Amino acid sequence: MDTPSTAGQHLRQLRRHAKLSQLDLALITGVSQRHLSCIETGRAKPGPGTLHSLLTALEAPLEHCNQVFLAAGYAPRYTATPLAAPAMAAVRGAVSHVLHANNPAPAIMLDSEWQVLAANASTGLLFELVGIEPNAAQGLNLLTTLLQTGGLGDHLINAEEIRSVAWQRATREALGNPALAGLLARLPVPSSTQLPNEMPPLVFTRIRSHRGELNFLSTFTTFGMPQDITLTSLRIEHLIPADAPTWQVMRAAYAEYAALVL
């Protein structure tokens, strides 16, 4: 597929990728189908407001939105504010609340390159239960520790399954992320990158620990309607105990921790 050079070409590519007809997109945004056709073919130039409406409806990544605004002759609309900036104080507070509220279940915040930016106390307790330094989560790359030997992946009972899922997810994300693509190129490819034909509704993360097998299911929290590139890259992964014995182990470990430090 040719690389789009005009705003209209970008929009047409995004619309087709979203499997929407011009009529579908027109109904969603309130832009007439005739005007949308003229924009895509270059016979009409969209205003900034129209462009924003179309890109929002197409759920285009914010970095891509900036490319489209530039192609249309406008300044980039979205910035990447450092997480430590004063403007991000509310975000940092929200993240801290979510991480703490997830105890006694582990939770970690990741960026677009799978780098751990923050983790709750239960994450350190889980590391301790498998024989890893409790503070190791800080600054850790989750993808690296899953795929390389000597990391967390070595403590997984279903390591092959989890590594395959992680590899496929990261490979998909790397299509629009050169930094992640570079990281993947330096990591070992799992022995199998093919998932079985028959997959369960959820893939559990099964971990071998000092207190027996621990089973977790994974969910993600992301920021709704982000208008900053930094926020689009952040996600919090929650490892929720999947059975009563795992809940019991994590609750006991957190109670011991709380009695010492809280």
Protein backbone atom coordinates (compact mmCIF):
# COMPACT_ATOMS: atom_id res chain seq x y z
CA MET A 1 0.00 0.00 0.00
CA ASP A 2 1.35 3.46 -0.97
CA THR A 3 2.26 5.82 1.87
CA PRO A 4 -0.41 8.55 2.02
CA SER A 5 0.83 12.09 1.45
CA THR A 6 -2.34 14.20 1.65
CA ALA A 7 -4.85 14.53 4.46
CA GLY A 8 -7.52 12.99 2.24
CA GLN A 9 -5.38 9.96 1.51
CA HIS A 10 -4.69 9.49 5.21
CA LEU A 11 -8.40 9.69 5.99
CA ARG A 12 -9.34 7.23 3.26
CA GLN A 13 -6.72 4.75 4.51
CA LEU A 14 -7.92 5.12 8.11
CA ARG A 15 -11.57 4.75 7.07
CA ARG A 16 -10.89 1.59 5.10
CA HIS A 17 -8.81 0.17 7.95
CA ALA A 18 -11.80 0.81 10.24
CA LYS A 19 -14.01 -0.99 7.67
CA LEU A 20 -16.35 1.98 7.37
CA SER A 21 -17.99 3.24 4.21
CA GLN A 22 -18.11 6.95 3.45
CA LEU A 23 -21.80 6.86 4.37
CA ASP A 24 -21.00 5.19 7.71
CA LEU A 25 -18.42 7.84 8.59
CA ALA A 26 -20.72 10.63 7.41
CA LEU A 27 -23.52 9.41 9.69
CA ILE A 28 -21.16 9.13 12.68
CA THR A 29 -19.63 12.60 12.29
CA GLY A 30 -22.40 14.66 10.72
CA VAL A 31 -20.13 15.52 7.77
CA SER A 32 -22.01 15.05 4.51
CA GLN A 33 -20.99 12.10 2.39
CA ARG A 34 -20.43 14.43 -0.57
CA HIS A 35 -18.08 16.67 1.43
CA LEU A 36 -16.25 13.63 2.80
CA SER A 37 -15.74 12.33 -0.72
CA CYS A 38 -14.33 15.70 -1.79
CA ILE A 39 -11.95 15.71 1.19
CA GLU A 40 -10.65 12.22 0.42
CA THR A 41 -10.05 13.05 -3.25
CA GLY A 42 -8.43 16.41 -2.46
CA ARG A 43 -11.16 18.55 -4.02
CA ALA A 44 -11.93 20.11 -0.63
CA LYS A 45 -9.76 21.02 2.33
CA PRO A 46 -11.18 20.09 5.75
CA GLY A 47 -11.17 22.70 8.50
CA PRO A 48 -9.42 21.83 11.77
CA GLY A 49 -12.75 21.10 13.48
CA THR A 50 -13.91 18.76 10.73
CA LEU A 51 -10.54 17.03 10.67
CA HIS A 52 -10.65 16.53 14.43
CA SER A 53 -14.18 15.05 14.23
CA LEU A 54 -13.21 12.63 11.48
CA LEU A 55 -10.01 11.48 13.19
CA THR A 56 -11.79 11.03 16.52
CA ALA A 57 -14.49 8.92 14.88
CA LEU A 58 -11.79 6.82 13.19
CA GLU A 59 -9.99 6.34 16.53
CA ALA A 60 -6.69 7.31 14.93
CA PRO A 61 -3.61 7.25 17.19
CA LEU A 62 -2.69 10.78 18.25
CA GLU A 63 0.74 10.57 16.60
CA HIS A 64 -1.04 9.71 13.34
CA CYS A 65 -3.48 12.58 13.90
CA ASN A 66 -0.53 14.97 14.02
CA GLN A 67 0.67 13.62 10.66
CA VAL A 68 -2.76 14.24 9.15
CA PHE A 69 -2.94 17.80 10.52
CA LEU A 70 0.51 18.50 9.04
CA ALA A 71 -0.56 17.01 5.69
CA ALA A 72 -3.56 19.35 5.72
CA GLY A 73 -1.33 22.36 6.34
CA TYR A 74 -2.04 22.80 10.04
CA ALA A 75 0.22 22.70 13.08
CA PRO A 76 0.32 19.42 15.03
CA ARG A 77 -2.53 19.35 17.53
CA TYR A 78 -1.27 16.91 20.16
CA THR A 79 1.78 17.06 22.42
CA ALA A 80 3.54 14.52 24.62
CA THR A 81 3.65 15.99 28.12
CA PRO A 82 6.21 14.36 30.47
CA LEU A 83 4.47 12.39 33.20
CA ALA A 84 6.46 14.30 35.82
CA ALA A 85 5.18 17.68 34.56
CA PRO A 86 2.93 19.76 36.87
CA ALA A 87 0.10 19.48 34.33
CA MET A 88 0.08 15.72 34.90
CA ALA A 89 -0.47 15.95 38.67
CA ALA A 90 -4.06 14.72 38.41
CA VAL A 91 -2.95 11.80 36.24
CA ARG A 92 -0.24 10.79 38.70
CA GLY A 93 -2.75 10.98 41.53
CA ALA A 94 -5.24 8.81 39.64
CA VAL A 95 -2.58 6.22 38.84
CA SER A 96 -1.43 6.10 42.48
CA HIS A 97 -5.02 5.61 43.63
CA VAL A 98 -5.72 2.80 41.15
CA LEU A 99 -2.48 0.98 41.97
CA HIS A 100 -3.05 1.18 45.72
CA ALA A 101 -6.73 0.23 45.45
CA ASN A 102 -5.76 -2.95 43.60
CA ASN A 103 -3.89 -4.35 46.66
CA PRO A 104 -3.64 -7.20 47.57
CA ALA A 105 -3.64 -7.99 43.86
CA PRO A 106 -0.57 -6.89 41.85
CA ALA A 107 -0.88 -3.96 39.45
CA ILE A 108 1.72 -2.24 37.29
CA MET A 109 1.71 0.79 35.00
CA LEU A 110 3.36 0.29 31.61
CA ASP A 111 4.29 2.65 28.80
CA SER A 112 4.13 1.88 25.08
CA GLU A 113 7.47 0.03 25.24
CA TRP A 114 6.30 -2.22 28.11
CA GLN A 115 8.52 -0.34 30.57
CA VAL A 116 7.25 -0.52 34.17
CA LEU A 117 6.73 3.07 35.34
CA ALA A 118 5.06 2.28 38.66
CA ALA A 119 3.87 -0.73 40.63
CA ASN A 120 1.91 -1.35 43.81
CA ALA A 121 3.18 -3.11 46.93
CA SER A 122 1.59 -6.42 45.94
CA THR A 123 3.72 -6.55 42.81
CA GLY A 124 6.84 -6.54 44.97
CA LEU A 125 5.28 -9.19 47.22
CA LEU A 126 4.59 -11.41 44.18
CA PHE A 127 8.20 -11.00 43.06
CA GLU A 128 9.34 -11.99 46.55
CA LEU A 129 7.10 -15.07 46.46
CA VAL A 130 8.87 -16.32 43.32
CA GLY A 131 12.37 -15.49 44.55
CA ILE A 132 12.97 -12.18 42.76
CA GLU A 133 14.15 -9.02 44.49
CA PRO A 134 10.93 -7.20 45.60
CA ASN A 135 12.11 -3.83 44.27
CA ALA A 136 13.05 -5.28 40.89
CA ALA A 137 9.79 -4.12 39.31
CA GLN A 138 10.95 -0.50 39.34
CA GLY A 139 12.57 0.22 35.98
CA LEU A 140 11.88 -3.28 34.69
CA ASN A 141 10.77 -3.97 31.13
CA LEU A 142 7.92 -6.48 31.31
CA LEU A 143 8.47 -7.79 27.79
CA THR A 144 12.16 -8.37 28.43
CA THR A 145 11.62 -10.19 31.73
CA LEU A 146 8.98 -12.43 30.11
CA LEU A 147 10.98 -13.38 27.02
CA GLN A 148 14.57 -13.53 28.26
CA THR A 149 15.90 -16.36 30.39
CA GLY A 150 16.63 -15.42 33.98
CA GLY A 151 13.53 -13.24 34.26
CA LEU A 152 9.95 -13.60 35.42
CA GLY A 153 9.17 -15.84 32.44
CA ASP A 154 11.26 -18.63 34.00
CA HIS A 155 8.79 -18.79 36.91
CA LEU A 156 5.72 -19.27 34.70
CA ILE A 157 4.17 -22.72 34.63
CA ASN A 158 2.60 -21.93 31.23
CA ALA A 159 5.62 -19.95 30.00
CA GLU A 160 5.28 -20.97 26.36
CA GLU A 161 1.65 -19.84 26.21
CA ILE A 162 2.27 -16.49 27.95
CA ARG A 163 5.38 -15.77 25.87
CA SER A 164 3.46 -16.46 22.66
CA VAL A 165 0.62 -14.13 23.72
CA ALA A 166 3.08 -11.40 24.76
CA TRP A 167 5.08 -11.73 21.52
CA GLN A 168 1.98 -11.50 19.33
CA ARG A 169 0.63 -8.49 21.23
CA ALA A 170 3.97 -6.67 21.17
CA THR A 171 4.51 -7.44 17.48
CA ARG A 172 1.11 -5.97 16.67
CA GLU A 173 1.83 -2.85 18.75
CA ALA A 174 5.29 -2.48 17.18
CA LEU A 175 3.78 -1.83 13.74
CA GLY A 176 3.31 1.81 14.75
CA ASN A 177 6.06 1.99 17.38
CA PRO A 178 9.67 1.98 16.09
CA ALA A 179 11.15 1.93 19.61
CA LEU A 180 9.17 -1.19 20.51
CA ALA A 181 10.10 -2.77 17.18
CA GLY A 182 13.78 -2.17 18.02
CA LEU A 183 13.34 -3.82 21.42
CA LEU A 184 11.64 -6.85 19.88
CA ALA A 185 14.51 -7.24 17.41
CA ARG A 186 16.91 -7.64 20.36
CA LEU A 187 14.80 -10.19 22.25
CA PRO A 188 14.67 -13.96 21.70
CA VAL A 189 11.72 -15.20 19.66
CA PRO A 190 9.57 -17.68 21.65
CA SER A 191 9.92 -21.31 20.66
CA SER A 192 6.37 -21.07 19.35
CA THR A 193 4.63 -17.90 18.25
CA GLN A 194 1.50 -19.77 17.18
CA LEU A 195 -1.43 -19.99 19.57
CA PRO A 196 -3.47 -23.22 19.67
CA ASN A 197 -6.61 -23.45 17.55
CA GLU A 198 -8.76 -24.03 20.62
CA MET A 199 -8.26 -21.14 23.07
CA PRO A 200 -10.05 -20.75 26.43
CA PRO A 201 -12.08 -17.58 27.08
CA LEU A 202 -9.21 -16.24 29.22
CA VAL A 203 -5.52 -17.09 29.38
CA PHE A 204 -4.40 -17.39 33.00
CA THR A 205 -0.90 -16.43 34.12
CA ARG A 206 0.19 -19.45 36.15
CA ILE A 207 3.15 -18.74 38.42
CA ARG A 208 5.35 -21.13 40.41
CA SER A 209 5.96 -19.64 43.88
CA HIS A 210 7.32 -20.55 47.31
CA ARG A 211 3.70 -21.01 48.41
CA GLY A 212 2.57 -23.19 45.54
CA GLU A 213 0.96 -22.42 42.20
CA LEU A 214 -0.58 -18.96 41.84
CA ASN A 215 -3.12 -18.24 39.10
CA PHE A 216 -3.97 -14.77 37.82
CA LEU A 217 -6.12 -13.29 35.09
CA SER A 218 -5.07 -10.03 33.46
CA THR A 219 -7.11 -6.90 32.80
CA PHE A 220 -6.05 -3.43 31.66
CA THR A 221 -7.04 0.10 32.64
CA THR A 222 -6.44 2.92 30.15
CA PHE A 223 -7.32 6.60 30.20
CA GLY A 224 -10.59 7.46 28.46
CA MET A 225 -10.57 10.14 25.75
CA PRO A 226 -6.86 11.02 26.06
CA GLN A 227 -5.79 14.25 24.35
CA ASP A 228 -2.08 13.85 25.06
CA ILE A 229 0.31 11.39 23.39
CA THR A 230 1.83 10.39 26.73
CA LEU A 231 -1.56 9.37 28.10
CA THR A 232 -2.38 7.21 25.08
CA SER A 233 0.73 5.11 25.78
CA LEU A 234 -0.07 4.39 29.44
CA ARG A 235 -1.90 1.31 30.67
CA ILE A 236 -2.26 -0.34 34.05
CA GLU A 237 -2.17 -4.12 34.07
CA HIS A 238 -4.07 -5.75 36.91
CA LEU A 239 -3.20 -9.32 37.87
CA ILE A 240 -6.36 -10.50 39.56
CA PRO A 241 -6.18 -13.77 41.53
CA ALA A 242 -8.16 -16.36 39.61
CA ASP A 243 -8.92 -18.77 42.46
CA ALA A 244 -9.39 -18.89 46.23
CA PRO A 245 -5.89 -20.26 47.09
CA THR A 246 -4.23 -17.43 45.15
CA TRP A 247 -6.40 -14.84 46.88
CA GLN A 248 -5.48 -16.41 50.23
CA VAL A 249 -1.74 -16.25 49.52
CA MET A 250 -1.83 -12.64 48.28
CA ARG A 251 -4.05 -11.46 51.15
CA ALA A 252 -1.76 -13.10 53.71
CA ALA A 253 1.37 -11.63 52.11
CA TYR A 254 -0.16 -8.15 51.98
CA ALA A 255 -1.39 -8.39 55.57
CA GLU A 256 2.17 -9.24 56.70
CA TYR A 257 3.51 -6.32 54.68
CA ALA A 258 0.87 -3.90 56.01
CA ALA A 259 1.59 -4.88 59.61
CA LEU A 260 5.23 -3.90 59.11
CA VAL A 261 5.00 -0.68 57.13
CA LEU A 262 1.48 0.75 57.34
